[in-house]
Amino acid sequence: MADPLIDVAALAELVGHGGPVTVLDVRYRMGGPPGLAEFVAGHVPGASYVDLDTDLASPPGVRGRHPLPETAVFEAAMRRAGVSNTRPVVVYDDWSAHAAARCWWLLRHHGHTDVRVLDGGWAAWTAAGLPVETGSETGSQTGSQTGATAGDFTARPGSTRAVSAETVRDTAVLIDARAPERYRGEVEPIDPVAGHIPGAVNVPTARNLATDGRFLPADELQSIYAEVGATPGAEVAVYCGSGVTAAHDVLALEVAGVAAALYPGSWSEWVADPGRPVATSARP
């Protein structure tokens, strides 16, 4: 598998020399306002803003708090942001790559073959003292004329594996990416029921990152996920609260060389049906 991450030096080289790349800013905080104001205040030169709630998810409902967007909606959003199938895409956020991972997964799932997440995100870019652009006008591709240039991305869903509420428990290794206390059912600040899907093991997304906010090296991630049986060749799926932060574990697993499916509906969909079983303990 190609490395799904890119460091700030490599992105700066592309941006600074007008290389062919589409940069997407997906700044977002769970429960907070959209990140457009932060984008306007400063962003990677040439980046386009993508709104997680409207571009990367459908409205909340029985399929969960962040159901997958309709294919046509996602395709249109990516085209507005300048995405084309033949041009590399780099995605970043200011939320430890959680929102960026969602966009990365959706693009991969819909057939884009060259998508990477900026390791360390916006914080790493600004800490390196790299150029910052301000304003609300998006520039879809580095080297383009000023202003957004629509892309020609064609979305073809199904390029990566997703599981449903009906099939998620058939997975050999089912990973819950939420914080340990939510996995154990000790607290539940968002959804109406606490606990986890029976049989799931817990690898919270915080374990994927070093203290500087960047992803751990591949060998360290391999060791972390091997603890729960998620090794190359194993059938692995990941869920979280609403299907957003689970993509962070899927991304970390890909860095570790393990292909994993996403359960998009996640816990918020699972508990919408009171007939589905719930576990509340520190063990699967």
Protein backbone atom coordinates (compact mmCIF):
# COMPACT_ATOMS: atom_id res chain seq x y z
CA MET A 1 0.00 0.00 0.00
CA ALA A 2 1.15 3.54 -0.73
CA ASP A 3 1.89 5.72 2.30
CA PRO A 4 -1.40 7.48 3.15
CA LEU A 5 0.46 10.30 4.96
CA ILE A 6 2.49 13.27 3.74
CA ASP A 7 4.68 15.52 5.88
CA VAL A 8 4.66 19.32 5.80
CA ALA A 9 8.00 19.54 4.00
CA ALA A 10 6.75 17.42 1.11
CA LEU A 11 3.48 19.35 0.84
CA ALA A 12 5.33 22.67 1.02
CA GLU A 13 7.51 21.53 -1.86
CA LEU A 14 4.44 20.76 -3.96
CA VAL A 15 2.67 23.99 -3.05
CA GLY A 16 5.76 26.15 -3.45
CA HIS A 17 6.64 24.82 -6.88
CA GLY A 18 3.14 24.70 -8.32
CA GLY A 19 3.03 20.93 -8.32
CA PRO A 20 -0.15 19.12 -9.31
CA VAL A 21 -2.04 18.77 -6.03
CA THR A 22 -5.47 19.58 -4.64
CA VAL A 23 -5.40 20.61 -0.98
CA LEU A 24 -8.54 20.25 1.12
CA ASP A 25 -9.04 21.97 4.48
CA VAL A 26 -11.49 19.98 6.62
CA ARG A 27 -11.20 21.83 9.90
CA TYR A 28 -13.96 20.71 12.24
CA ARG A 29 -14.67 20.08 15.92
CA MET A 30 -17.33 17.66 17.15
CA GLY A 31 -20.21 19.72 18.49
CA GLY A 32 -18.57 23.00 17.50
CA PRO A 33 -19.20 25.48 14.68
CA PRO A 34 -18.01 24.73 11.13
CA GLY A 35 -14.36 25.53 10.49
CA LEU A 36 -14.97 28.07 7.73
CA ALA A 37 -14.06 31.03 9.96
CA GLU A 38 -10.72 29.40 10.76
CA PHE A 39 -10.18 28.72 7.07
CA VAL A 40 -10.81 32.36 6.18
CA ALA A 41 -8.37 33.48 8.88
CA GLY A 42 -5.61 31.33 7.41
CA HIS A 43 -5.07 28.17 5.38
CA VAL A 44 -2.52 26.34 3.26
CA PRO A 45 -2.11 28.34 0.03
CA GLY A 46 -4.48 27.12 -2.67
CA ALA A 47 -6.57 25.00 -0.30
CA SER A 48 -10.32 24.64 -0.59
CA TYR A 49 -12.59 24.37 2.44
CA VAL A 50 -14.73 21.26 2.87
CA ASP A 51 -17.53 21.16 5.44
CA LEU A 52 -17.77 17.83 7.22
CA ASP A 53 -21.45 18.07 8.15
CA THR A 54 -22.73 19.06 4.70
CA ASP A 55 -20.09 17.69 2.29
CA LEU A 56 -18.91 14.54 4.05
CA ALA A 57 -22.11 13.34 5.74
CA SER A 58 -25.86 13.14 5.30
CA PRO A 59 -28.25 14.58 7.90
CA PRO A 60 -28.53 12.59 11.16
CA GLY A 61 -31.17 9.87 11.31
CA VAL A 62 -31.67 6.15 11.81
CA ARG A 63 -28.35 5.51 10.01
CA GLY A 64 -26.48 7.44 12.70
CA ARG A 65 -25.26 10.94 13.49
CA HIS A 66 -22.97 11.20 10.45
CA PRO A 67 -24.29 8.83 7.76
CA LEU A 68 -22.30 8.60 4.56
CA PRO A 69 -23.23 11.35 2.09
CA GLU A 70 -25.23 10.53 -0.98
CA THR A 71 -22.87 9.80 -3.85
CA ALA A 72 -24.09 12.72 -5.95
CA VAL A 73 -23.75 15.14 -3.03
CA PHE A 74 -20.20 14.00 -2.29
CA GLU A 75 -19.19 14.11 -5.93
CA ALA A 76 -20.53 17.64 -6.32
CA ALA A 77 -18.75 18.81 -3.16
CA MET A 78 -15.44 17.36 -4.31
CA ARG A 79 -15.81 18.92 -7.74
CA ARG A 80 -16.50 22.32 -6.17
CA ALA A 81 -13.31 21.88 -4.16
CA GLY A 82 -11.35 21.20 -7.35
CA VAL A 83 -10.88 17.43 -7.00
CA SER A 84 -10.13 15.43 -10.13
CA ASN A 85 -9.51 11.69 -10.35
CA THR A 86 -6.10 12.14 -11.94
CA ARG A 87 -4.65 14.76 -9.56
CA PRO A 88 -3.28 13.92 -6.08
CA VAL A 89 -5.23 15.16 -3.07
CA VAL A 90 -3.89 16.17 0.35
CA VAL A 91 -6.32 16.63 3.24
CA TYR A 92 -5.69 18.34 6.58
CA ASP A 93 -7.54 19.56 9.67
CA ASP A 94 -6.87 20.90 13.17
CA TRP A 95 -8.48 17.95 15.00
CA SER A 96 -5.63 15.42 15.13
CA ALA A 97 -6.54 14.18 11.61
CA HIS A 98 -9.96 12.88 12.65
CA ALA A 99 -11.94 14.93 10.11
CA ALA A 100 -9.16 14.63 7.53
CA ALA A 101 -9.27 10.85 7.87
CA ARG A 102 -13.00 10.90 7.14
CA CYS A 103 -12.40 12.82 3.91
CA TRP A 104 -9.45 10.56 3.04
CA TRP A 105 -11.61 7.46 3.51
CA LEU A 106 -14.53 8.84 1.52
CA LEU A 107 -12.33 9.77 -1.41
CA ARG A 108 -10.67 6.37 -1.35
CA HIS A 109 -14.05 4.65 -0.99
CA HIS A 110 -15.34 6.56 -4.01
CA GLY A 111 -12.45 5.55 -6.22
CA HIS A 112 -9.74 8.19 -5.86
CA THR A 113 -6.41 6.38 -5.80
CA ASP A 114 -4.04 9.14 -4.65
CA VAL A 115 -5.17 10.73 -1.38
CA ARG A 116 -2.97 11.53 1.60
CA VAL A 117 -3.46 13.12 5.00
CA LEU A 118 -1.11 15.88 6.15
CA ASP A 119 0.69 14.39 9.13
CA GLY A 120 0.39 16.80 12.05
CA GLY A 121 -2.23 18.86 10.21
CA TRP A 122 -2.63 22.61 10.41
CA ALA A 123 -0.60 22.80 13.64
CA ALA A 124 2.43 21.21 11.96
CA TRP A 125 2.12 23.54 8.97
CA THR A 126 2.06 26.72 11.07
CA ALA A 127 4.72 25.45 13.50
CA ALA A 128 7.05 25.04 10.52
CA GLY A 129 6.55 28.71 9.63
CA LEU A 130 5.21 27.88 6.19
CA PRO A 131 3.19 30.33 4.06
CA VAL A 132 -0.42 31.02 5.03
CA GLU A 133 -3.14 32.33 2.75
CA THR A 134 -6.17 34.23 4.04
CA GLY A 135 -9.63 34.93 2.66
CA SER A 136 -12.68 32.96 1.68
CA GLU A 137 -11.93 32.35 -1.97
CA THR A 138 -10.69 28.83 -2.58
CA GLY A 139 -8.02 27.90 -5.07
CA SER A 140 -8.69 24.32 -6.07
CA GLN A 141 -5.31 23.38 -7.46
CA THR A 142 -1.84 24.65 -6.87
CA GLY A 143 -0.63 26.55 -9.89
CA SER A 144 -4.12 27.39 -11.10
CA GLN A 145 -5.40 30.88 -11.77
CA THR A 146 -6.82 32.75 -8.80
CA GLY A 147 -10.24 31.44 -7.80
CA ALA A 148 -11.78 28.02 -7.54
CA THR A 149 -11.51 25.81 -10.62
CA ALA A 150 -14.06 23.00 -10.60
CA GLY A 151 -12.71 19.50 -10.72
CA ASP A 152 -14.02 16.58 -12.75
CA PHE A 153 -14.04 13.95 -10.00
CA THR A 154 -16.31 10.99 -10.72
CA ALA A 155 -17.39 9.13 -7.60
CA ARG A 156 -17.54 5.36 -7.85
CA PRO A 157 -18.38 4.02 -4.38
CA GLY A 158 -17.19 0.62 -3.22
CA SER A 159 -13.45 0.87 -3.76
CA THR A 160 -12.85 0.26 -0.03
CA ARG A 161 -14.83 -2.04 2.23
CA ALA A 162 -17.64 -0.89 4.49
CA VAL A 163 -19.74 -3.03 6.79
CA SER A 164 -23.33 -2.53 7.93
CA ALA A 165 -25.25 -3.06 11.15
CA GLU A 166 -26.26 -6.46 9.77
CA THR A 167 -22.71 -7.63 9.01
CA VAL A 168 -20.48 -5.79 11.49
CA ARG A 169 -20.48 -8.60 14.06
CA ASP A 170 -19.36 -11.11 11.43
CA THR A 171 -15.95 -9.40 11.35
CA ALA A 172 -13.11 -11.39 12.91
CA VAL A 173 -11.56 -8.32 14.59
CA LEU A 174 -13.98 -5.51 15.39
CA ILE A 175 -12.30 -2.39 16.79
CA ASP A 176 -14.01 0.36 18.78
CA ALA A 177 -12.06 3.60 18.26
CA ARG A 178 -13.69 5.60 21.07
CA ALA A 179 -12.17 6.58 24.40
CA PRO A 180 -11.85 3.67 26.86
CA GLU A 181 -14.47 5.01 29.28
CA ARG A 182 -17.05 5.18 26.49
CA TYR A 183 -16.12 1.70 25.29
CA ARG A 184 -16.58 0.34 28.81
CA GLY A 185 -19.94 2.07 29.13
CA GLU A 186 -18.89 4.15 32.13
CA VAL A 187 -19.91 7.41 30.41
CA GLU A 188 -21.73 8.33 27.23
CA PRO A 189 -21.79 12.06 26.53
CA ILE A 190 -23.46 11.93 23.12
CA ASP A 191 -25.50 8.82 22.35
CA PRO A 192 -28.53 7.62 24.34
CA VAL A 193 -27.03 4.24 25.31
CA ALA A 194 -23.62 3.50 26.81
CA GLY A 195 -21.41 0.50 26.05
CA HIS A 196 -20.01 -1.21 22.99
CA ILE A 197 -20.90 -3.76 20.34
CA PRO A 198 -20.43 -7.24 21.84
CA GLY A 199 -17.15 -8.77 20.73
CA ALA A 200 -15.47 -5.46 19.94
CA VAL A 201 -12.01 -4.60 21.23
CA ASN A 202 -10.84 -1.09 22.05
CA VAL A 203 -8.06 0.85 20.31
CA PRO A 204 -8.79 4.55 20.96
CA THR A 205 -7.59 6.95 18.30
CA ALA A 206 -5.31 8.70 20.79
CA ARG A 207 -3.02 5.65 20.68
CA ASN A 208 -2.27 6.32 17.01
CA LEU A 209 -0.43 9.58 17.66
CA ALA A 210 2.86 10.66 19.16
CA THR A 211 3.02 13.58 21.58
CA ASP A 212 3.70 15.98 18.69
CA GLY A 213 0.37 15.11 17.08
CA ARG A 214 1.87 13.08 14.26
CA PHE A 215 1.13 9.43 13.60
CA LEU A 216 3.41 6.89 15.21
CA PRO A 217 5.85 5.03 12.96
CA ALA A 218 4.47 2.02 11.13
CA ASP A 219 6.25 -0.53 13.34
CA GLU A 220 4.80 0.97 16.51
CA LEU A 221 1.31 1.01 15.03
CA GLN A 222 1.77 -2.59 13.95
CA SER A 223 2.55 -3.55 17.55
CA ILE A 224 -0.46 -1.66 18.94
CA TYR A 225 -2.91 -3.30 16.57
CA ALA A 226 -1.31 -6.72 16.81
CA GLU A 227 -2.32 -6.66 20.50
CA VAL A 228 -5.95 -7.07 19.43
CA GLY A 229 -5.31 -9.42 16.49
CA ALA A 230 -5.41 -6.77 13.74
CA THR A 231 -2.55 -8.03 11.62
CA PRO A 232 -2.01 -8.15 7.83
CA GLY A 233 -4.49 -10.58 6.29
CA ALA A 234 -6.93 -10.47 9.19
CA GLU A 235 -10.52 -9.40 8.59
CA VAL A 236 -10.76 -6.10 10.46
CA ALA A 237 -13.50 -3.47 10.82
CA VAL A 238 -13.62 -0.26 12.86
CA TYR A 239 -16.42 1.80 14.36
CA CYS A 240 -16.71 4.80 16.70
CA GLY A 241 -19.59 6.99 17.80
CA SER A 242 -20.78 8.22 14.41
CA GLY A 243 -18.36 6.87 11.82
CA VAL A 244 -16.04 9.89 11.71
CA THR A 245 -13.19 9.18 14.12
CA ALA A 246 -13.22 5.47 13.22
CA ALA A 247 -11.60 6.50 9.94
CA HIS A 248 -8.61 7.60 12.04
CA ASP A 249 -8.04 3.99 13.11
CA VAL A 250 -8.57 2.82 9.53
CA LEU A 251 -5.88 5.30 8.44
CA ALA A 252 -3.50 4.18 11.19
CA LEU A 253 -4.10 0.56 10.24
CA GLU A 254 -3.22 1.34 6.63
CA VAL A 255 0.02 2.94 7.80
CA ALA A 256 0.63 -0.32 9.65
CA GLY A 257 -0.06 -2.35 6.50
CA VAL A 258 -3.47 -3.64 7.57
CA ALA A 259 -6.55 -3.17 5.39
CA ALA A 260 -9.65 -2.45 7.48
CA ALA A 261 -13.31 -1.84 6.76
CA LEU A 262 -15.34 1.02 8.22
CA TYR A 263 -18.72 0.68 9.90
CA PRO A 264 -20.14 4.08 8.87
CA GLY A 265 -23.22 4.05 11.09
CA SER A 266 -21.16 3.09 14.13
CA TRP A 267 -22.50 3.23 17.69
CA SER A 268 -25.07 5.93 16.96
CA GLU A 269 -26.76 3.68 14.39
CA TRP A 270 -26.27 0.53 16.43
CA VAL A 271 -28.17 1.83 19.46
CA ALA A 272 -30.96 3.35 17.37
CA ASP A 273 -32.46 -0.16 17.35
CA PRO A 274 -33.19 -1.20 20.96
CA GLY A 275 -33.16 -4.83 19.89
CA ARG A 276 -29.44 -4.85 19.20
CA PRO A 277 -27.22 -6.23 21.98
CA VAL A 278 -24.96 -3.98 24.06
CA ALA A 279 -21.93 -4.90 26.18
CA THR A 280 -20.69 -2.88 29.15
CA SER A 281 -17.38 -4.09 30.51
CA ALA A 282 -13.67 -3.74 30.01
CA ARG A 283 -13.64 -6.97 28.00
CA PRO A 284 -15.08 -7.78 24.56
